[in-house]
Amino acid sequence: MDHIGIDVHKKESQICILAEGGELLEQRIRTEPERFAAVLGARPRGRIVLETSTESEWVARCLEGLGHEVIVADPNFAPMYATRSRRRLRAVARVRDCRKCREGWARGKGL
């Protein structure tokens, strides 16, 4: 199963995919349903983590509609950020979120 972390913003989102075989893919896309469908629609079912934000509800529903398991993570859940260092690049944080998704460290909120 792919483990995917998405840093969702109003205009653009950064997607980090940790594929089942260990391959790491990153891509920036416009935050639009059509772009999520183009990038993630043909992929096998994956587990996706995104933080609670203004855009998270519609993005989560869109991704669920594409067949993925979506966890809208509570950014206040301390273990999710236990290894966060302000000196690390954002890309490292997204990779970490992909791995924590895989390891079950993210705690979701119901939509």
PDB file of N, CA and C in Angstrom:
ATOM      1  N   MET A   1       0.847  -1.185   0.000  1.00  0.00           N
ATOM      2  CA  MET A   1       0.000   0.000   0.000  1.00  0.00           C
ATOM      3  C   MET A   1       0.883   1.236   0.000  1.00  0.00           C
ATOM      4  N   ASP A   2       0.554   2.203  -0.845  1.00  0.00           N
ATOM      5  CA  ASP A   2       1.256   3.483  -0.851  1.00  0.00           C
ATOM      6  C   ASP A   2       0.861   4.274   0.389  1.00  0.00           C
ATOM      7  N   HIS A   3       1.807   5.053   0.908  1.00  0.00           N
ATOM      8  CA  HIS A   3       1.545   5.964   2.009  1.00  0.00           C
ATOM      9  C   HIS A   3       1.849   7.358   1.489  1.00  0.00           C
ATOM     10  N   ILE A   4       0.867   8.230   1.633  1.00  0.00           N
ATOM     11  CA  ILE A   4       0.924   9.531   0.977  1.00  0.00           C
ATOM     12  C   ILE A   4       0.692  10.631   2.001  1.00  0.00           C
ATOM     13  N   GLY A   5       1.561  11.630   1.987  1.00  0.00           N
ATOM     14  CA  GLY A   5       1.386  12.826   2.802  1.00  0.00           C
ATOM     15  C   GLY A   5       1.102  13.985   1.871  1.00  0.00           C
ATOM     16  N   ILE A   6       0.091  14.766   2.192  1.00  0.00           N
ATOM     17  CA  ILE A   6      -0.231  15.920   1.355  1.00  0.00           C
ATOM     18  C   ILE A   6      -0.250  17.167   2.228  1.00  0.00           C
ATOM     19  N   ASP A   7       0.548  18.139   1.824  1.00  0.00           N
ATOM     20  CA  ASP A   7       0.576  19.448   2.469  1.00  0.00           C
ATOM     21  C   ASP A   7      -0.386  20.314   1.667  1.00  0.00           C
ATOM     22  N   VAL A   8      -1.617  20.457   2.169  1.00  0.00           N
ATOM     23  CA  VAL A   8      -2.682  21.133   1.424  1.00  0.00           C
ATOM     24  C   VAL A   8      -2.685  22.623   1.740  1.00  0.00           C
ATOM     25  N   HIS A   9      -2.696  23.414   0.678  1.00  0.00           N
ATOM     26  CA  HIS A   9      -2.823  24.868   0.792  1.00  0.00           C
ATOM     27  C   HIS A   9      -3.905  25.327  -0.165  1.00  0.00           C
ATOM     28  N   LYS A  10      -4.322  26.559  -0.009  1.00  0.00           N
ATOM     29  CA  LYS A  10      -5.434  27.071  -0.792  1.00  0.00           C
ATOM     30  C   LYS A  10      -5.191  26.999  -2.307  1.00  0.00           C
ATOM     31  N   LYS A  11      -3.988  27.371  -2.768  1.00  0.00           N
ATOM     32  CA  LYS A  11      -3.724  27.394  -4.210  1.00  0.00           C
ATOM     33  C   LYS A  11      -2.953  26.180  -4.710  1.00  0.00           C
ATOM     34  N   GLU A  12      -1.944  25.749  -3.970  1.00  0.00           N
ATOM     35  CA  GLU A  12      -1.121  24.614  -4.392  1.00  0.00           C
ATOM     36  C   GLU A  12      -0.926  23.649  -3.239  1.00  0.00           C
ATOM     37  N   SER A  13      -0.767  22.377  -3.577  1.00  0.00           N
ATOM     38  CA  SER A  13      -0.519  21.344  -2.575  1.00  0.00           C
ATOM     39  C   SER A  13       0.724  20.557  -2.965  1.00  0.00           C
ATOM     40  N   GLN A  14       1.466  20.129  -1.967  1.00  0.00           N
ATOM     41  CA  GLN A  14       2.649  19.304  -2.187  1.00  0.00           C
ATOM     42  C   GLN A  14       2.277  17.874  -1.823  1.00  0.00           C
ATOM     43  N   ILE A  15       2.531  16.938  -2.731  1.00  0.00           N
ATOM     44  CA  ILE A  15       2.211  15.532  -2.512  1.00  0.00           C
ATOM     45  C   ILE A  15       3.510  14.753  -2.388  1.00  0.00           C
ATOM     46  N   CYS A  16       3.601  13.927  -1.358  1.00  0.00           N
ATOM     47  CA  CYS A  16       4.746  13.046  -1.162  1.00  0.00           C
ATOM     48  C   CYS A  16       4.206  11.623  -1.090  1.00  0.00           C
ATOM     49  N   ILE A  17       4.661  10.772  -2.002  1.00  0.00           N
ATOM     50  CA  ILE A  17       4.201   9.383  -2.051  1.00  0.00           C
ATOM     51  C   ILE A  17       5.362   8.464  -1.701  1.00  0.00           C
ATOM     52  N   LEU A  18       5.162   7.675  -0.670  1.00  0.00           N
ATOM     53  CA  LEU A  18       6.114   6.628  -0.315  1.00  0.00           C
ATOM     54  C   LEU A  18       5.489   5.335  -0.827  1.00  0.00           C
ATOM     55  N   ALA A  19       5.958   4.892  -1.996  1.00  0.00           N
ATOM     56  CA  ALA A  19       5.372   3.719  -2.649  1.00  0.00           C
ATOM     57  C   ALA A  19       5.717   2.454  -1.883  1.00  0.00           C
ATOM     58  N   GLU A  20       4.931   1.433  -2.096  1.00  0.00           N
ATOM     59  CA  GLU A  20       5.103   0.163  -1.394  1.00  0.00           C
ATOM     60  C   GLU A  20       6.510  -0.403  -1.567  1.00  0.00           C
ATOM     61  N   GLY A  21       7.106  -0.196  -2.722  1.00  0.00           N
ATOM     62  CA  GLY A  21       8.456  -0.693  -2.985  1.00  0.00           C
ATOM     63  C   GLY A  21       9.561   0.185  -2.426  1.00  0.00           C
ATOM     64  N   GLY A  22       9.210   1.292  -1.761  1.00  0.00           N
ATOM     65  CA  GLY A  22      10.196   2.181  -1.159  1.00  0.00           C
ATOM     66  C   GLY A  22      10.515   3.405  -1.997  1.00  0.00           C
ATOM     67  N   GLU A  23       9.974   3.485  -3.202  1.00  0.00           N
ATOM     68  CA  GLU A  23      10.219   4.636  -4.066  1.00  0.00           C
ATOM     69  C   GLU A  23       9.546   5.874  -3.476  1.00  0.00           C
ATOM     70  N   LEU A  24      10.232   7.007  -3.543  1.00  0.00           N
ATOM     71  CA  LEU A  24       9.708   8.258  -3.015  1.00  0.00           C
ATOM     72  C   LEU A  24       9.446   9.216  -4.167  1.00  0.00           C
ATOM     73  N   LEU A  25       8.205   9.683  -4.278  1.00  0.00           N
ATOM     74  CA  LEU A  25       7.812  10.602  -5.342  1.00  0.00           C
ATOM     75  C   LEU A  25       7.266  11.876  -4.713  1.00  0.00           C
ATOM     76  N   GLU A  26       7.655  13.020  -5.243  1.00  0.00           N
ATOM     77  CA  GLU A  26       7.113  14.291  -4.770  1.00  0.00           C
ATOM     78  C   GLU A  26       6.633  15.105  -5.955  1.00  0.00           C
ATOM     79  N   GLN A  27       5.529  15.809  -5.743  1.00  0.00           N
ATOM     80  CA  GLN A  27       4.963  16.615  -6.814  1.00  0.00           C
ATOM     81  C   GLN A  27       4.143  17.745  -6.224  1.00  0.00           C
ATOM     82  N   ARG A  28       4.220  18.906  -6.833  1.00  0.00           N
ATOM     83  CA  ARG A  28       3.395  20.050  -6.446  1.00  0.00           C
ATOM     84  C   ARG A  28       2.305  20.202  -7.502  1.00  0.00           C
ATOM     85  N   ILE A  29       1.054  20.350  -7.037  1.00  0.00           N
ATOM     86  CA  ILE A  29      -0.076  20.504  -7.960  1.00  0.00           C
ATOM     87  C   ILE A  29      -0.978  21.628  -7.486  1.00  0.00           C
ATOM     88  N   ARG A  30      -1.829  22.097  -8.376  1.00  0.00           N
ATOM     89  CA  ARG A  30      -2.860  23.069  -7.976  1.00  0.00           C
ATOM     90  C   ARG A  30      -3.874  22.331  -7.110  1.00  0.00           C
ATOM     91  N   THR A  31      -4.392  23.003  -6.113  1.00  0.00           N
ATOM     92  CA  THR A  31      -5.367  22.394  -5.210  1.00  0.00           C
ATOM     93  C   THR A  31      -6.739  22.459  -5.856  1.00  0.00           C
ATOM     94  N   GLU A  32      -6.972  21.491  -6.745  1.00  0.00           N
ATOM     95  CA  GLU A  32      -8.225  21.386  -7.498  1.00  0.00           C
ATOM     96  C   GLU A  32      -8.598  19.910  -7.612  1.00  0.00           C
ATOM     97  N   PRO A  33      -9.875  19.585  -7.535  1.00  0.00           N
ATOM     98  CA  PRO A  33     -10.300  18.189  -7.635  1.00  0.00           C
ATOM     99  C   PRO A  33      -9.761  17.495  -8.885  1.00  0.00           C
ATOM    100  N   GLU A  34      -9.746  18.215 -10.006  1.00  0.00           N
ATOM    101  CA  GLU A  34      -9.286  17.622 -11.260  1.00  0.00           C
ATOM    102  C   GLU A  34      -7.814  17.228 -11.188  1.00  0.00           C
ATOM    103  N   ARG A  35      -6.990  18.041 -10.518  1.00  0.00           N
ATOM    104  CA  ARG A  35      -5.559  17.746 -10.405  1.00  0.00           C
ATOM    105  C   ARG A  35      -5.316  16.570  -9.471  1.00  0.00           C
ATOM    106  N   PHE A  36      -6.077  16.494  -8.357  1.00  0.00           N
ATOM    107  CA  PHE A  36      -5.948  15.339  -7.466  1.00  0.00           C
ATOM    108  C   PHE A  36      -6.332  14.067  -8.217  1.00  0.00           C
ATOM    109  N   ALA A  37      -7.390  14.144  -9.007  1.00  0.00           N
ATOM    110  CA  ALA A  37      -7.829  12.974  -9.775  1.00  0.00           C
ATOM    111  C   ALA A  37      -6.772  12.571 -10.804  1.00  0.00           C
ATOM    112  N   ALA A  38      -6.157  13.548 -11.462  1.00  0.00           N
ATOM    113  CA  ALA A  38      -5.149  13.246 -12.480  1.00  0.00           C
ATOM    114  C   ALA A  38      -3.915  12.582 -11.870  1.00  0.00           C
ATOM    115  N   VAL A  39      -3.514  13.021 -10.677  1.00  0.00           N
ATOM    116  CA  VAL A  39      -2.292  12.505 -10.060  1.00  0.00           C
ATOM    117  C   VAL A  39      -2.540  11.229  -9.258  1.00  0.00           C
ATOM    118  N   LEU A  40      -3.667  11.165  -8.537  1.00  0.00           N
ATOM    119  CA  LEU A  40      -3.890  10.045  -7.621  1.00  0.00           C
ATOM    120  C   LEU A  40      -5.008   9.097  -8.044  1.00  0.00           C
ATOM    121  N   GLY A  41      -5.785   9.477  -9.049  1.00  0.00           N
ATOM    122  CA  GLY A  41      -6.928   8.667  -9.454  1.00  0.00           C
ATOM    123  C   GLY A  41      -6.572   7.289  -9.991  1.00  0.00           C
ATOM    124  N   ALA A  42      -5.460   7.183 -10.704  1.00  0.00           N
ATOM    125  CA  ALA A  42      -5.079   5.902 -11.300  1.00  0.00           C
ATOM    126  C   ALA A  42      -4.181   5.062 -10.392  1.00  0.00           C
ATOM    127  N   ARG A  43      -3.759   5.626  -9.275  1.00  0.00           N
ATOM    128  CA  ARG A  43      -2.890   4.889  -8.349  1.00  0.00           C
ATOM    129  C   ARG A  43      -3.713   3.865  -7.571  1.00  0.00           C
ATOM    130  N   PRO A  44      -3.072   2.777  -7.160  1.00  0.00           N
ATOM    131  CA  PRO A  44      -3.780   1.820  -6.306  1.00  0.00           C
ATOM    132  C   PRO A  44      -4.155   2.472  -4.980  1.00  0.00           C
ATOM    133  N   ARG A  45      -5.112   1.871  -4.298  1.00  0.00           N
ATOM    134  CA  ARG A  45      -5.586   2.405  -3.017  1.00  0.00           C
ATOM    135  C   ARG A  45      -4.406   2.644  -2.084  1.00  0.00           C
ATOM    136  N   GLY A  46      -4.367   3.838  -1.502  1.00  0.00           N
ATOM    137  CA  GLY A  46      -3.298   4.197  -0.578  1.00  0.00           C
ATOM    138  C   GLY A  46      -3.865   4.811   0.683  1.00  0.00           C
ATOM    139  N   ARG A  47      -3.009   4.993   1.657  1.00  0.00           N
ATOM    140  CA  ARG A  47      -3.384   5.678   2.901  1.00  0.00           C
ATOM    141  C   ARG A  47      -2.799   7.080   2.825  1.00  0.00           C
ATOM    142  N   ILE A  48      -3.657   8.075   2.963  1.00  0.00           N
ATOM    143  CA  ILE A  48      -3.258   9.478   2.807  1.00  0.00           C
ATOM    144  C   ILE A  48      -3.455  10.222   4.122  1.00  0.00           C
ATOM    145  N   VAL A  49      -2.437  10.990   4.509  1.00  0.00           N
ATOM    146  CA  VAL A  49      -2.535  11.841   5.691  1.00  0.00           C
ATOM    147  C   VAL A  49      -2.477  13.297   5.249  1.00  0.00           C
ATOM    148  N   LEU A  50      -3.419  14.094   5.728  1.00  0.00           N
ATOM    149  CA  LEU A  50      -3.351  15.541   5.580  1.00  0.00           C
ATOM    150  C   LEU A  50      -3.739  16.174   6.893  1.00  0.00           C
ATOM    151  N   GLU A  51      -3.132  17.309   7.187  1.00  0.00           N
ATOM    152  CA  GLU A  51      -3.448  18.003   8.432  1.00  0.00           C
ATOM    153  C   GLU A  51      -4.772  18.724   8.314  1.00  0.00           C
ATOM    154  N   THR A  52      -5.418  18.890   9.454  1.00  0.00           N
ATOM    155  CA  THR A  52      -6.642  19.663   9.512  1.00  0.00           C
ATOM    156  C   THR A  52      -6.352  21.078   9.029  1.00  0.00           C
ATOM    157  N   SER A  53      -7.162  21.552   8.079  1.00  0.00           N
ATOM    158  CA  SER A  53      -7.012  22.913   7.560  1.00  0.00           C
ATOM    159  C   SER A  53      -8.332  23.330   6.936  1.00  0.00           C
ATOM    160  N   THR A  54      -8.370  24.548   6.430  1.00  0.00           N
ATOM    161  CA  THR A  54      -9.582  25.051   5.784  1.00  0.00           C
ATOM    162  C   THR A  54      -9.993  24.170   4.611  1.00  0.00           C
ATOM    163  N   GLU A  55      -9.020  23.713   3.836  1.00  0.00           N
ATOM    164  CA  GLU A  55      -9.293  22.934   2.629  1.00  0.00           C
ATOM    165  C   GLU A  55      -9.431  21.440   2.886  1.00  0.00           C
ATOM    166  N   SER A  56      -9.089  20.965   4.086  1.00  0.00           N
ATOM    167  CA  SER A  56      -8.968  19.521   4.314  1.00  0.00           C
ATOM    168  C   SER A  56     -10.269  18.742   4.121  1.00  0.00           C
ATOM    169  N   GLU A  57     -11.416  19.313   4.429  1.00  0.00           N
ATOM    170  CA  GLU A  57     -12.658  18.549   4.326  1.00  0.00           C
ATOM    171  C   GLU A  57     -12.981  18.191   2.881  1.00  0.00           C
ATOM    172  N   TRP A  58     -12.985  19.170   1.972  1.00  0.00           N
ATOM    173  CA  TRP A  58     -13.329  18.840   0.588  1.00  0.00           C
ATOM    174  C   TRP A  58     -12.235  18.006  -0.071  1.00  0.00           C
ATOM    175  N   VAL A  59     -10.970  18.247   0.297  1.00  0.00           N
ATOM    176  CA  VAL A  59      -9.880  17.456  -0.275  1.00  0.00           C
ATOM    177  C   VAL A  59     -10.016  16.001   0.180  1.00  0.00           C
ATOM    178  N   ALA A  60     -10.305  15.790   1.471  1.00  0.00           N
ATOM    179  CA  ALA A  60     -10.469  14.428   2.002  1.00  0.00           C
ATOM    180  C   ALA A  60     -11.605  13.707   1.288  1.00  0.00           C
ATOM    181  N   ARG A  61     -12.726  14.376   1.100  1.00  0.00           N
ATOM    182  CA  ARG A  61     -13.865  13.751   0.410  1.00  0.00           C
ATOM    183  C   ARG A  61     -13.516  13.424  -1.046  1.00  0.00           C
ATOM    184  N   CYS A  62     -12.788  14.303  -1.694  1.00  0.00           N
ATOM    185  CA  CYS A  62     -12.358  14.075  -3.076  1.00  0.00           C
ATOM    186  C   CYS A  62     -11.464  12.836  -3.146  1.00  0.00           C
ATOM    187  N   LEU A  63     -10.500  12.727  -2.242  1.00  0.00           N
ATOM    188  CA  LEU A  63      -9.561  11.605  -2.238  1.00  0.00           C
ATOM    189  C   LEU A  63     -10.253  10.292  -1.879  1.00  0.00           C
ATOM    190  N   GLU A  64     -11.214  10.351  -0.952  1.00  0.00           N
ATOM    191  CA  GLU A  64     -12.004   9.149  -0.630  1.00  0.00           C
ATOM    192  C   GLU A  64     -12.798   8.701  -1.845  1.00  0.00           C
ATOM    193  N   GLY A  65     -13.300   9.668  -2.605  1.00  0.00           N
ATOM    194  CA  GLY A  65     -14.041   9.350  -3.824  1.00  0.00           C
ATOM    195  C   GLY A  65     -13.175   8.670  -4.880  1.00  0.00           C
ATOM    196  N   LEU A  66     -11.847   8.869  -4.777  1.00  0.00           N
ATOM    197  CA  LEU A  66     -10.913   8.211  -5.687  1.00  0.00           C
ATOM    198  C   LEU A  66     -10.512   6.824  -5.183  1.00  0.00           C
ATOM    199  N   GLY A  67     -11.041   6.444  -4.005  1.00  0.00           N
ATOM    200  CA  GLY A  67     -10.793   5.105  -3.475  1.00  0.00           C
ATOM    201  C   GLY A  67      -9.700   4.990  -2.438  1.00  0.00           C
ATOM    202  N   HIS A  68      -9.172   6.119  -1.967  1.00  0.00           N
ATOM    203  CA  HIS A  68      -8.092   6.089  -0.984  1.00  0.00           C
ATOM    204  C   HIS A  68      -8.627   6.176   0.440  1.00  0.00           C
ATOM    205  N   GLU A  69      -7.843   5.674   1.392  1.00  0.00           N
ATOM    206  CA  GLU A  69      -8.138   5.840   2.815  1.00  0.00           C
ATOM    207  C   GLU A  69      -7.523   7.170   3.224  1.00  0.00           C
ATOM    208  N   VAL A  70      -8.311   8.041   3.840  1.00  0.00           N
ATOM    209  CA  VAL A  70      -7.830   9.380   4.181  1.00  0.00           C
ATOM    210  C   VAL A  70      -7.897   9.591   5.694  1.00  0.00           C
ATOM    211  N   ILE A  71      -6.797  10.080   6.234  1.00  0.00           N
ATOM    212  CA  ILE A  71      -6.719  10.444   7.644  1.00  0.00           C
ATOM    213  C   ILE A  71      -6.480  11.941   7.699  1.00  0.00           C
ATOM    214  N   VAL A  72      -7.429  12.667   8.292  1.00  0.00           N
ATOM    215  CA  VAL A  72      -7.239  14.094   8.516  1.00  0.00           C
ATOM    216  C   VAL A  72      -6.651  14.201   9.916  1.00  0.00           C
ATOM    217  N   ALA A  73      -5.362  14.508   9.970  1.00  0.00           N
ATOM    218  CA  ALA A  73      -4.607  14.441  11.210  1.00  0.00           C
ATOM    219  C   ALA A  73      -4.749  15.706  12.049  1.00  0.00           C
ATOM    220  N   ASP A  74      -4.806  15.493  13.336  1.00  0.00           N
ATOM    221  CA  ASP A  74      -4.852  16.576  14.309  1.00  0.00           C
ATOM    222  C   ASP A  74      -3.428  17.097  14.503  1.00  0.00           C
ATOM    223  N   PRO A  75      -3.131  18.329  14.092  1.00  0.00           N
ATOM    224  CA  PRO A  75      -1.768  18.848  14.215  1.00  0.00           C
ATOM    225  C   PRO A  75      -1.325  19.041  15.666  1.00  0.00           C
ATOM    226  N   ASN A  76      -2.260  18.948  16.603  1.00  0.00           N
ATOM    227  CA  ASN A  76      -1.910  19.097  18.018  1.00  0.00           C
ATOM    228  C   ASN A  76      -1.542  17.778  18.687  1.00  0.00           C
ATOM    229  N   PHE A  77      -1.584  16.673  17.914  1.00  0.00           N
ATOM    230  CA  PHE A  77      -1.244  15.357  18.455  1.00  0.00           C
ATOM    231  C   PHE A  77       0.282  15.242  18.488  1.00  0.00           C
ATOM    232  N   ALA A  78       0.855  15.400  19.669  1.00  0.00           N
ATOM    233  CA  ALA A  78       2.307  15.515  19.838  1.00  0.00           C
ATOM    234  C   ALA A  78       3.136  14.395  19.207  1.00  0.00           C
ATOM    235  N   PRO A  79       2.784  13.100  19.348  1.00  0.00           N
ATOM    236  CA  PRO A  79       3.642  12.059  18.759  1.00  0.00           C
ATOM    237  C   PRO A  79       3.818  12.180  17.249  1.00  0.00           C
ATOM    238  N   MET A  80       2.875  12.816  16.577  1.00  0.00           N
ATOM    239  CA  MET A  80       3.002  12.969  15.134  1.00  0.00           C
ATOM    240  C   MET A  80       4.204  13.845  14.787  1.00  0.00           C
ATOM    241  N   TYR A  81       4.577  14.732  15.708  1.00  0.00           N
ATOM    242  CA  TYR A  81       5.665  15.667  15.445  1.00  0.00           C
ATOM    243  C   TYR A  81       6.838  15.477  16.393  1.00  0.00           C
ATOM    244  N   ALA A  82       6.958  14.320  16.967  1.00  0.00           N
ATOM    245  CA  ALA A  82       8.015  14.078  17.945  1.00  0.00           C
ATOM    246  C   ALA A  82       9.405  14.271  17.378  1.00  0.00           C
ATOM    247  N   THR A  83       9.574  14.044  16.087  1.00  0.00           N
ATOM    248  CA  THR A  83      10.904  14.176  15.489  1.00  0.00           C
ATOM    249  C   THR A  83      11.055  15.470  14.695  1.00  0.00           C
ATOM    250  N   ARG A  84      10.126  16.387  14.818  1.00  0.00           N
ATOM    251  CA  ARG A  84      10.182  17.627  14.039  1.00  0.00           C
ATOM    252  C   ARG A  84      11.347  18.501  14.509  1.00  0.00           C
ATOM    253  N   SER A  85      12.072  19.003  13.570  1.00  0.00           N
ATOM    254  CA  SER A  85      13.154  19.937  13.832  1.00  0.00           C
ATOM    255  C   SER A  85      12.932  21.130  12.922  1.00  0.00           C
ATOM    256  N   ARG A  86      12.967  22.320  13.467  1.00  0.00           N
ATOM    257  CA  ARG A  86      12.727  23.512  12.649  1.00  0.00           C
ATOM    258  C   ARG A  86      13.812  23.715  11.604  1.00  0.00           C
ATOM    259  N   ARG A  87      14.944  23.081  11.781  1.00  0.00           N
ATOM    260  CA  ARG A  87      16.036  23.232  10.828  1.00  0.00           C
ATOM    261  C   ARG A  87      15.875  22.349   9.600  1.00  0.00           C
ATOM    262  N   ARG A  88      15.028  21.351   9.676  1.00  0.00           N
ATOM    263  CA  ARG A  88      14.848  20.434   8.538  1.00  0.00           C
ATOM    264  C   ARG A  88      14.027  21.095   7.450  1.00  0.00           C
ATOM    265  N   LEU A  89      14.252  20.643   6.244  1.00  0.00           N
ATOM    266  CA  LEU A  89      13.488  21.150   5.114  1.00  0.00           C
ATOM    267  C   LEU A  89      12.061  20.636   5.178  1.00  0.00           C
ATOM    268  N   ARG A  90      11.149  21.387   4.543  1.00  0.00           N
ATOM    269  CA  ARG A  90       9.753  20.948   4.512  1.00  0.00           C
ATOM    270  C   ARG A  90       9.621  19.599   3.828  1.00  0.00           C
ATOM    271  N   ALA A  91      10.444  19.337   2.833  1.00  0.00           N
ATOM    272  CA  ALA A  91      10.391  18.045   2.139  1.00  0.00           C
ATOM    273  C   ALA A  91      10.657  16.909   3.112  1.00  0.00           C
ATOM    274  N   VAL A  92      11.581  17.103   4.024  1.00  0.00           N
ATOM    275  CA  VAL A  92      11.876  16.080   5.029  1.00  0.00           C
ATOM    276  C   VAL A  92      10.651  15.870   5.908  1.00  0.00           C
ATOM    277  N   ALA A  93       9.959  16.949   6.244  1.00  0.00           N
ATOM    278  CA  ALA A  93       8.745  16.838   7.058  1.00  0.00           C
ATOM    279  C   ALA A  93       7.679  16.035   6.333  1.00  0.00           C
ATOM    280  N   ARG A  94       7.540  16.248   5.023  1.00  0.00           N
ATOM    281  CA  ARG A  94       6.532  15.498   4.271  1.00  0.00           C
ATOM    282  C   ARG A  94       6.896  14.017   4.199  1.00  0.00           C
ATOM    283  N   VAL A  95       8.182  13.720   4.021  1.00  0.00           N
ATOM    284  CA  VAL A  95       8.619  12.323   4.017  1.00  0.00           C
ATOM    285  C   VAL A  95       8.327  11.704   5.370  1.00  0.00           C
ATOM    286  N   ARG A  96       8.599  12.440   6.428  1.00  0.00           N
ATOM    287  CA  ARG A  96       8.331  11.960   7.779  1.00  0.00           C
ATOM    288  C   ARG A  96       6.840  11.683   7.949  1.00  0.00           C
ATOM    289  N   ASP A  97       6.010  12.584   7.443  1.00  0.00           N
ATOM    290  CA  ASP A  97       4.567  12.375   7.562  1.00  0.00           C
ATOM    291  C   ASP A  97       4.126  11.143   6.792  1.00  0.00           C
ATOM    292  N   CYS A  98       4.732  10.877   5.628  1.00  0.00           N
ATOM    293  CA  CYS A  98       4.427   9.647   4.880  1.00  0.00           C
ATOM    294  C   CYS A  98       4.767   8.439   5.728  1.00  0.00           C
ATOM    295  N   ARG A  99       5.929   8.454   6.357  1.00  0.00           N
ATOM    296  CA  ARG A  99       6.366   7.315   7.160  1.00  0.00           C
ATOM    297  C   ARG A  99       5.501   7.170   8.408  1.00  0.00           C
ATOM    298  N   LYS A 100       5.123   8.279   9.026  1.00  0.00           N
ATOM    299  CA  LYS A 100       4.277   8.193  10.215  1.00  0.00           C
ATOM    300  C   LYS A 100       2.885   7.703   9.836  1.00  0.00           C
ATOM    301  N   CYS A 101       2.444   8.043   8.643  1.00  0.00           N
ATOM    302  CA  CYS A 101       1.181   7.502   8.136  1.00  0.00           C
ATOM    303  C   CYS A 101       1.290   5.990   8.065  1.00  0.00           C
ATOM    304  N   ARG A 102       2.388   5.498   7.498  1.00  0.00           N
ATOM    305  CA  ARG A 102       2.599   4.055   7.358  1.00  0.00           C
ATOM    306  C   ARG A 102       2.678   3.388   8.726  1.00  0.00           C
ATOM    307  N   GLU A 103       3.320   4.051   9.683  1.00  0.00           N
ATOM    308  CA  GLU A 103       3.529   3.461  11.000  1.00  0.00           C
ATOM    309  C   GLU A 103       2.351   3.686  11.946  1.00  0.00           C
ATOM    310  N   GLY A 104       1.335   4.433  11.503  1.00  0.00           N
ATOM    311  CA  GLY A 104       0.145   4.631  12.318  1.00  0.00           C
ATOM    312  C   GLY A 104       0.290   5.681  13.404  1.00  0.00           C
ATOM    313  N   TRP A 105       1.204   6.631  13.237  1.00  0.00           N
ATOM    314  CA  TRP A 105       1.412   7.657  14.255  1.00  0.00           C
ATOM    315  C   TRP A 105       0.436   8.812  14.157  1.00  0.00           C
ATOM    316  N   ALA A 106      -0.246   8.931  13.036  1.00  0.00           N
ATOM    317  CA  ALA A 106      -1.157  10.048  12.852  1.00  0.00           C
ATOM    318  C   ALA A 106      -2.531   9.689  13.424  1.00  0.00           C
ATOM    319  N   ARG A 107      -3.094  10.593  14.166  1.00  0.00           N
ATOM    320  CA  ARG A 107      -4.429  10.391  14.722  1.00  0.00           C
ATOM    321  C   ARG A 107      -5.387  11.271  13.959  1.00  0.00           C
ATOM    322  N   GLY A 108      -6.429  10.682  13.406  1.00  0.00           N
ATOM    323  CA  GLY A 108      -7.351  11.430  12.576  1.00  0.00           C
ATOM    324  C   GLY A 108      -8.525  11.992  13.352  1.00  0.00           C
ATOM    325  N   LYS A 109      -9.174  12.952  12.718  1.00  0.00           N
ATOM    326  CA  LYS A 109     -10.413  13.532  13.223  1.00  0.00           C
ATOM    327  C   LYS A 109     -11.522  13.127  12.268  1.00  0.00           C
ATOM    328  N   GLY A 110     -12.678  12.858  12.771  1.00  0.00           N
ATOM    329  CA  GLY A 110     -13.799  12.510  11.910  1.00  0.00           C
ATOM    330  C   GLY A 110     -14.256  13.698  11.108  1.00  0.00           C
ATOM    331  N   LEU A 111     -14.735  13.427   9.914  1.00  0.00           N
ATOM    332  CA  LEU A 111     -15.239  14.525   9.064  1.00  0.00           C
ATOM    333  C   LEU A 111     -16.732  14.617   9.206  1.00  0.00           C
TER     334      LEU A 111
END
